[in-house]
Amino acid sequence: MYNEASSISHVDRNGHSALLIDGKIDAIASVKNSYTLAVELKKASVQYTYDRIDDRPHLMVFFANHRAYPLAVS
């Protein structure tokens, strides 16, 4: 089941471009996961952008007044 849900299982030459983002203080997902996916995307000639963002955890949200504001990526 994990393999079916994993993004890497669906890399295909005809796939859409991908945006890979890691928070530098992410304690949940390993940077290795994004690196492995990037390698497979490159092999399949799929366009991708990869970035690591300082001081962001896995969920990349700000908390103000007990409401969550997603980090805007431009």
PDB file of N, CA and C in Angstrom:
ATOM      1  N   MET A   1       0.817  -1.191   0.000  1.00  0.00           N
ATOM      2  CA  MET A   1       0.000   0.000   0.000  1.00  0.00           C
ATOM      3  C   MET A   1       0.866   1.262   0.000  1.00  0.00           C
ATOM      4  N   TYR A   2       1.979   1.240   0.764  1.00  0.00           N
ATOM      5  CA  TYR A   2       2.854   2.406   0.802  1.00  0.00           C
ATOM      6  C   TYR A   2       3.357   2.753  -0.589  1.00  0.00           C
ATOM      7  N   ASN A   3       3.795   1.741  -1.331  1.00  0.00           N
ATOM      8  CA  ASN A   3       4.330   1.992  -2.669  1.00  0.00           C
ATOM      9  C   ASN A   3       3.300   2.638  -3.584  1.00  0.00           C
ATOM     10  N   GLU A   4       2.052   2.231  -3.477  1.00  0.00           N
ATOM     11  CA  GLU A   4       0.992   2.819  -4.304  1.00  0.00           C
ATOM     12  C   GLU A   4       0.749   4.283  -3.947  1.00  0.00           C
ATOM     13  N   ALA A   5       0.914   4.630  -2.668  1.00  0.00           N
ATOM     14  CA  ALA A   5       0.663   6.001  -2.217  1.00  0.00           C
ATOM     15  C   ALA A   5       1.862   6.916  -2.421  1.00  0.00           C
ATOM     16  N   SER A   6       3.020   6.337  -2.607  1.00  0.00           N
ATOM     17  CA  SER A   6       4.245   7.121  -2.737  1.00  0.00           C
ATOM     18  C   SER A   6       4.315   7.847  -4.082  1.00  0.00           C
ATOM     19  N   SER A   7       4.698   9.105  -4.033  1.00  0.00           N
ATOM     20  CA  SER A   7       4.843   9.904  -5.262  1.00  0.00           C
ATOM     21  C   SER A   7       5.832   9.278  -6.234  1.00  0.00           C
ATOM     22  N   ILE A   8       6.871   8.692  -5.707  1.00  0.00           N
ATOM     23  CA  ILE A   8       7.913   8.132  -6.562  1.00  0.00           C
ATOM     24  C   ILE A   8       7.385   6.990  -7.429  1.00  0.00           C
ATOM     25  N   SER A   9       6.323   6.341  -6.987  1.00  0.00           N
ATOM     26  CA  SER A   9       5.719   5.251  -7.763  1.00  0.00           C
ATOM     27  C   SER A   9       4.966   5.754  -8.987  1.00  0.00           C
ATOM     28  N   HIS A  10       4.727   7.043  -9.041  1.00  0.00           N
ATOM     29  CA  HIS A  10       3.927   7.606 -10.127  1.00  0.00           C
ATOM     30  C   HIS A  10       4.725   8.521 -11.058  1.00  0.00           C
ATOM     31  N   VAL A  11       6.057   8.494 -10.924  1.00  0.00           N
ATOM     32  CA  VAL A  11       6.899   9.290 -11.820  1.00  0.00           C
ATOM     33  C   VAL A  11       6.816   8.688 -13.208  1.00  0.00           C
ATOM     34  N   ASP A  12       6.569   9.557 -14.172  1.00  0.00           N
ATOM     35  CA  ASP A  12       6.356   9.097 -15.538  1.00  0.00           C
ATOM     36  C   ASP A  12       6.749  10.220 -16.492  1.00  0.00           C
ATOM     37  N   ARG A  13       7.368   9.858 -17.593  1.00  0.00           N
ATOM     38  CA  ARG A  13       7.856  10.844 -18.568  1.00  0.00           C
ATOM     39  C   ARG A  13       6.765  11.835 -18.983  1.00  0.00           C
ATOM     40  N   ASN A  14       5.516  11.414 -18.957  1.00  0.00           N
ATOM     41  CA  ASN A  14       4.408  12.284 -19.347  1.00  0.00           C
ATOM     42  C   ASN A  14       3.798  13.028 -18.155  1.00  0.00           C
ATOM     43  N   GLY A  15       4.458  12.947 -16.999  1.00  0.00           N
ATOM     44  CA  GLY A  15       3.927  13.563 -15.784  1.00  0.00           C
ATOM     45  C   GLY A  15       4.024  15.082 -15.802  1.00  0.00           C
ATOM     46  N   HIS A  16       3.298  15.671 -14.882  1.00  0.00           N
ATOM     47  CA  HIS A  16       3.316  17.131 -14.725  1.00  0.00           C
ATOM     48  C   HIS A  16       4.579  17.555 -13.980  1.00  0.00           C
ATOM     49  N   SER A  17       4.910  18.834 -14.070  1.00  0.00           N
ATOM     50  CA  SER A  17       6.059  19.347 -13.334  1.00  0.00           C
ATOM     51  C   SER A  17       5.772  19.258 -11.832  1.00  0.00           C
ATOM     52  N   ALA A  18       6.837  19.317 -11.033  1.00  0.00           N
ATOM     53  CA  ALA A  18       6.685  19.130  -9.593  1.00  0.00           C
ATOM     54  C   ALA A  18       7.420  20.226  -8.826  1.00  0.00           C
ATOM     55  N   LEU A  19       6.886  20.572  -7.674  1.00  0.00           N
ATOM     56  CA  LEU A  19       7.519  21.502  -6.753  1.00  0.00           C
ATOM     57  C   LEU A  19       7.819  20.732  -5.478  1.00  0.00           C
ATOM     58  N   LEU A  20       9.103  20.634  -5.134  1.00  0.00           N
ATOM     59  CA  LEU A  20       9.536  19.925  -3.929  1.00  0.00           C
ATOM     60  C   LEU A  20      10.056  20.956  -2.940  1.00  0.00           C
ATOM     61  N   ILE A  21       9.504  20.975  -1.735  1.00  0.00           N
ATOM     62  CA  ILE A  21       9.908  21.933  -0.714  1.00  0.00           C
ATOM     63  C   ILE A  21      10.153  21.191   0.588  1.00  0.00           C
ATOM     64  N   ASP A  22      11.287  21.471   1.213  1.00  0.00           N
ATOM     65  CA  ASP A  22      11.595  20.927   2.528  1.00  0.00           C
ATOM     66  C   ASP A  22      11.827  22.076   3.490  1.00  0.00           C
ATOM     67  N   GLY A  23      11.325  21.923   4.707  1.00  0.00           N
ATOM     68  CA  GLY A  23      11.671  22.852   5.769  1.00  0.00           C
ATOM     69  C   GLY A  23      12.970  22.376   6.392  1.00  0.00           C
ATOM     70  N   LYS A  24      13.902  23.276   6.635  1.00  0.00           N
ATOM     71  CA  LYS A  24      15.207  22.868   7.162  1.00  0.00           C
ATOM     72  C   LYS A  24      15.121  22.317   8.581  1.00  0.00           C
ATOM     73  N   ILE A  25      14.012  22.591   9.300  1.00  0.00           N
ATOM     74  CA  ILE A  25      13.876  22.032  10.645  1.00  0.00           C
ATOM     75  C   ILE A  25      12.776  20.962  10.685  1.00  0.00           C
ATOM     76  N   ASP A  26      12.551  20.320   9.572  1.00  0.00           N
ATOM     77  CA  ASP A  26      11.551  19.251   9.469  1.00  0.00           C
ATOM     78  C   ASP A  26      12.054  18.016  10.216  1.00  0.00           C
ATOM     79  N   ALA A  27      11.322  17.604  11.233  1.00  0.00           N
ATOM     80  CA  ALA A  27      11.689  16.423  12.004  1.00  0.00           C
ATOM     81  C   ALA A  27      10.855  15.207  11.597  1.00  0.00           C
ATOM     82  N   ILE A  28       9.986  15.362  10.583  1.00  0.00           N
ATOM     83  CA  ILE A  28       9.081  14.287  10.180  1.00  0.00           C
ATOM     84  C   ILE A  28       9.567  13.582   8.915  1.00  0.00           C
ATOM     85  N   ALA A  29       9.831  14.345   7.882  1.00  0.00           N
ATOM     86  CA  ALA A  29      10.223  13.753   6.593  1.00  0.00           C
ATOM     87  C   ALA A  29      11.703  14.011   6.320  1.00  0.00           C
ATOM     88  N   SER A  30      12.392  12.994   5.914  1.00  0.00           N
ATOM     89  CA  SER A  30      13.814  13.105   5.612  1.00  0.00           C
ATOM     90  C   SER A  30      14.036  13.824   4.281  1.00  0.00           C
ATOM     91  N   VAL A  31      15.072  14.629   4.226  1.00  0.00           N
ATOM     92  CA  VAL A  31      15.461  15.290   2.976  1.00  0.00           C
ATOM     93  C   VAL A  31      15.765  14.235   1.913  1.00  0.00           C
ATOM     94  N   LYS A  32      16.183  13.064   2.353  1.00  0.00           N
ATOM     95  CA  LYS A  32      16.495  11.965   1.428  1.00  0.00           C
ATOM     96  C   LYS A  32      15.292  11.622   0.551  1.00  0.00           C
ATOM     97  N   ASN A  33      14.080  11.744   1.095  1.00  0.00           N
ATOM     98  CA  ASN A  33      12.873  11.448   0.309  1.00  0.00           C
ATOM     99  C   ASN A  33      12.761  12.383  -0.893  1.00  0.00           C
ATOM    100  N   SER A  34      12.961  13.679  -0.664  1.00  0.00           N
ATOM    101  CA  SER A  34      12.887  14.646  -1.763  1.00  0.00           C
ATOM    102  C   SER A  34      14.013  14.426  -2.762  1.00  0.00           C
ATOM    103  N   TYR A  35      15.212  14.136  -2.249  1.00  0.00           N
ATOM    104  CA  TYR A  35      16.353  13.895  -3.127  1.00  0.00           C
ATOM    105  C   TYR A  35      16.083  12.688  -4.033  1.00  0.00           C
ATOM    106  N   THR A  36      15.583  11.610  -3.454  1.00  0.00           N
ATOM    107  CA  THR A  36      15.289  10.402  -4.226  1.00  0.00           C
ATOM    108  C   THR A  36      14.232  10.676  -5.290  1.00  0.00           C
ATOM    109  N   LEU A  37      13.199  11.435  -4.936  1.00  0.00           N
ATOM    110  CA  LEU A  37      12.162  11.797  -5.901  1.00  0.00           C
ATOM    111  C   LEU A  37      12.748  12.676  -6.996  1.00  0.00           C
ATOM    112  N   ALA A  38      13.595  13.633  -6.634  1.00  0.00           N
ATOM    113  CA  ALA A  38      14.216  14.513  -7.634  1.00  0.00           C
ATOM    114  C   ALA A  38      15.050  13.716  -8.631  1.00  0.00           C
ATOM    115  N   VAL A  39      15.773  12.727  -8.153  1.00  0.00           N
ATOM    116  CA  VAL A  39      16.578  11.872  -9.039  1.00  0.00           C
ATOM    117  C   VAL A  39      15.679  11.156 -10.046  1.00  0.00           C
ATOM    118  N   GLU A  40      14.576  10.601  -9.575  1.00  0.00           N
ATOM    119  CA  GLU A  40      13.657   9.885 -10.464  1.00  0.00           C
ATOM    120  C   GLU A  40      12.983  10.837 -11.455  1.00  0.00           C
ATOM    121  N   LEU A  41      12.623  12.029 -10.995  1.00  0.00           N
ATOM    122  CA  LEU A  41      12.029  13.022 -11.903  1.00  0.00           C
ATOM    123  C   LEU A  41      13.018  13.402 -13.002  1.00  0.00           C
ATOM    124  N   LYS A  42      14.272  13.586 -12.620  1.00  0.00           N
ATOM    125  CA  LYS A  42      15.302  13.938 -13.601  1.00  0.00           C
ATOM    126  C   LYS A  42      15.488  12.815 -14.629  1.00  0.00           C
ATOM    127  N   LYS A  43      15.526  11.570 -14.147  1.00  0.00           N
ATOM    128  CA  LYS A  43      15.669  10.416 -15.059  1.00  0.00           C
ATOM    129  C   LYS A  43      14.528  10.367 -16.072  1.00  0.00           C
ATOM    130  N   ALA A  44      13.332  10.766 -15.635  1.00  0.00           N
ATOM    131  CA  ALA A  44      12.154  10.719 -16.509  1.00  0.00           C
ATOM    132  C   ALA A  44      11.973  12.015 -17.301  1.00  0.00           C
ATOM    133  N   SER A  45      12.926  12.936 -17.188  1.00  0.00           N
ATOM    134  CA  SER A  45      12.865  14.237 -17.884  1.00  0.00           C
ATOM    135  C   SER A  45      11.635  15.050 -17.509  1.00  0.00           C
ATOM    136  N   VAL A  46      11.232  14.951 -16.247  1.00  0.00           N
ATOM    137  CA  VAL A  46      10.110  15.741 -15.738  1.00  0.00           C
ATOM    138  C   VAL A  46      10.680  16.990 -15.082  1.00  0.00           C
ATOM    139  N   GLN A  47      10.140  18.153 -15.437  1.00  0.00           N
ATOM    140  CA  GLN A  47      10.597  19.400 -14.828  1.00  0.00           C
ATOM    141  C   GLN A  47      10.243  19.431 -13.355  1.00  0.00           C
ATOM    142  N   TYR A  48      11.164  19.926 -12.538  1.00  0.00           N
ATOM    143  CA  TYR A  48      10.877  20.075 -11.117  1.00  0.00           C
ATOM    144  C   TYR A  48      11.698  21.231 -10.550  1.00  0.00           C
ATOM    145  N   THR A  49      11.224  21.768  -9.459  1.00  0.00           N
ATOM    146  CA  THR A  49      11.939  22.781  -8.695  1.00  0.00           C
ATOM    147  C   THR A  49      12.045  22.263  -7.275  1.00  0.00           C
ATOM    148  N   TYR A  50      13.230  22.387  -6.687  1.00  0.00           N
ATOM    149  CA  TYR A  50      13.440  21.942  -5.318  1.00  0.00           C
ATOM    150  C   TYR A  50      13.993  23.092  -4.497  1.00  0.00           C
ATOM    151  N   ASP A  51      13.451  23.279  -3.282  1.00  0.00           N
ATOM    152  CA  ASP A  51      13.945  24.330  -2.401  1.00  0.00           C
ATOM    153  C   ASP A  51      13.839  23.871  -0.953  1.00  0.00           C
ATOM    154  N   ARG A  52      14.763  24.343  -0.140  1.00  0.00           N
ATOM    155  CA  ARG A  52      14.704  24.127   1.315  1.00  0.00           C
ATOM    156  C   ARG A  52      14.523  25.494   1.950  1.00  0.00           C
ATOM    157  N   ILE A  53      13.600  25.594   2.878  1.00  0.00           N
ATOM    158  CA  ILE A  53      13.270  26.881   3.486  1.00  0.00           C
ATOM    159  C   ILE A  53      13.750  26.899   4.933  1.00  0.00           C
ATOM    160  N   ASP A  54      14.524  27.944   5.263  1.00  0.00           N
ATOM    161  CA  ASP A  54      15.037  28.117   6.624  1.00  0.00           C
ATOM    162  C   ASP A  54      13.906  28.203   7.639  1.00  0.00           C
ATOM    163  N   ASP A  55      14.159  27.705   8.821  1.00  0.00           N
ATOM    164  CA  ASP A  55      13.261  27.865   9.973  1.00  0.00           C
ATOM    165  C   ASP A  55      11.828  27.413   9.735  1.00  0.00           C
ATOM    166  N   ARG A  56      11.626  26.420   8.902  1.00  0.00           N
ATOM    167  CA  ARG A  56      10.270  25.898   8.673  1.00  0.00           C
ATOM    168  C   ARG A  56      10.234  24.419   9.014  1.00  0.00           C
ATOM    169  N   PRO A  57       9.209  24.004   9.753  1.00  0.00           N
ATOM    170  CA  PRO A  57       9.031  22.584  10.049  1.00  0.00           C
ATOM    171  C   PRO A  57       8.299  21.890   8.900  1.00  0.00           C
ATOM    172  N   HIS A  58       7.849  20.700   9.131  1.00  0.00           N
ATOM    173  CA  HIS A  58       7.174  19.906   8.107  1.00  0.00           C
ATOM    174  C   HIS A  58       5.915  20.591   7.565  1.00  0.00           C
ATOM    175  N   LEU A  59       5.101  21.151   8.449  1.00  0.00           N
ATOM    176  CA  LEU A  59       3.824  21.733   8.016  1.00  0.00           C
ATOM    177  C   LEU A  59       3.945  23.138   7.455  1.00  0.00           C
ATOM    178  N   MET A  60       5.064  23.803   7.687  1.00  0.00           N
ATOM    179  CA  MET A  60       5.335  25.138   7.147  1.00  0.00           C
ATOM    180  C   MET A  60       4.196  26.121   7.359  1.00  0.00           C
ATOM    181  N   VAL A  61       3.750  26.273   8.586  1.00  0.00           N
ATOM    182  CA  VAL A  61       2.690  27.233   8.892  1.00  0.00           C
ATOM    183  C   VAL A  61       3.167  28.225   9.940  1.00  0.00           C
ATOM    184  N   PHE A  62       2.543  29.391   9.938  1.00  0.00           N
ATOM    185  CA  PHE A  62       2.743  30.386  10.975  1.00  0.00           C
ATOM    186  C   PHE A  62       1.560  30.287  11.919  1.00  0.00           C
ATOM    187  N   PHE A  63       1.774  30.530  13.178  1.00  0.00           N
ATOM    188  CA  PHE A  63       0.668  30.541  14.126  1.00  0.00           C
ATOM    189  C   PHE A  63       0.547  31.941  14.712  1.00  0.00           C
ATOM    190  N   ALA A  64      -0.610  32.561  14.515  1.00  0.00           N
ATOM    191  CA  ALA A  64      -0.882  33.887  15.062  1.00  0.00           C
ATOM    192  C   ALA A  64      -2.335  33.905  15.498  1.00  0.00           C
ATOM    193  N   ASN A  65      -2.562  34.296  16.730  1.00  0.00           N
ATOM    194  CA  ASN A  65      -3.924  34.346  17.265  1.00  0.00           C
ATOM    195  C   ASN A  65      -4.642  33.003  17.130  1.00  0.00           C
ATOM    196  N   HIS A  66      -3.902  31.924  17.295  1.00  0.00           N
ATOM    197  CA  HIS A  66      -4.451  30.563  17.259  1.00  0.00           C
ATOM    198  C   HIS A  66      -5.062  30.196  15.904  1.00  0.00           C
ATOM    199  N   ARG A  67      -4.684  30.889  14.869  1.00  0.00           N
ATOM    200  CA  ARG A  67      -5.120  30.524  13.506  1.00  0.00           C
ATOM    201  C   ARG A  67      -3.862  30.185  12.702  1.00  0.00           C
ATOM    202  N   ALA A  68      -3.991  29.258  11.823  1.00  0.00           N
ATOM    203  CA  ALA A  68      -2.834  28.860  11.008  1.00  0.00           C
ATOM    204  C   ALA A  68      -2.877  29.592   9.673  1.00  0.00           C
ATOM    205  N   TYR A  69      -1.732  30.158   9.318  1.00  0.00           N
ATOM    206  CA  TYR A  69      -1.605  30.849   8.042  1.00  0.00           C
ATOM    207  C   TYR A  69      -0.564  30.108   7.218  1.00  0.00           C
ATOM    208  N   PRO A  70      -0.926  29.504   6.106  1.00  0.00           N
ATOM    209  CA  PRO A  70       0.045  28.773   5.298  1.00  0.00           C
ATOM    210  C   PRO A  70       1.128  29.706   4.756  1.00  0.00           C
ATOM    211  N   LEU A  71       2.291  29.170   4.611  1.00  0.00           N
ATOM    212  CA  LEU A  71       3.401  29.909   4.027  1.00  0.00           C
ATOM    213  C   LEU A  71       3.127  30.095   2.543  1.00  0.00           C
ATOM    214  N   ALA A  72       3.166  31.310   2.067  1.00  0.00           N
ATOM    215  CA  ALA A  72       2.934  31.582   0.648  1.00  0.00           C
ATOM    216  C   ALA A  72       4.226  31.360  -0.108  1.00  0.00           C
ATOM    217  N   VAL A  73       4.168  30.640  -1.177  1.00  0.00           N
ATOM    218  CA  VAL A  73       5.318  30.386  -2.031  1.00  0.00           C
ATOM    219  C   VAL A  73       5.062  31.060  -3.363  1.00  0.00           C
ATOM    220  N   SER A  74       6.002  31.912  -3.760  1.00  0.00           N
ATOM    221  CA  SER A  74       5.802  32.609  -5.042  1.00  0.00           C
ATOM    222  C   SER A  74       6.848  32.208  -6.039  1.00  0.00           C
TER     223      SER A  74
END
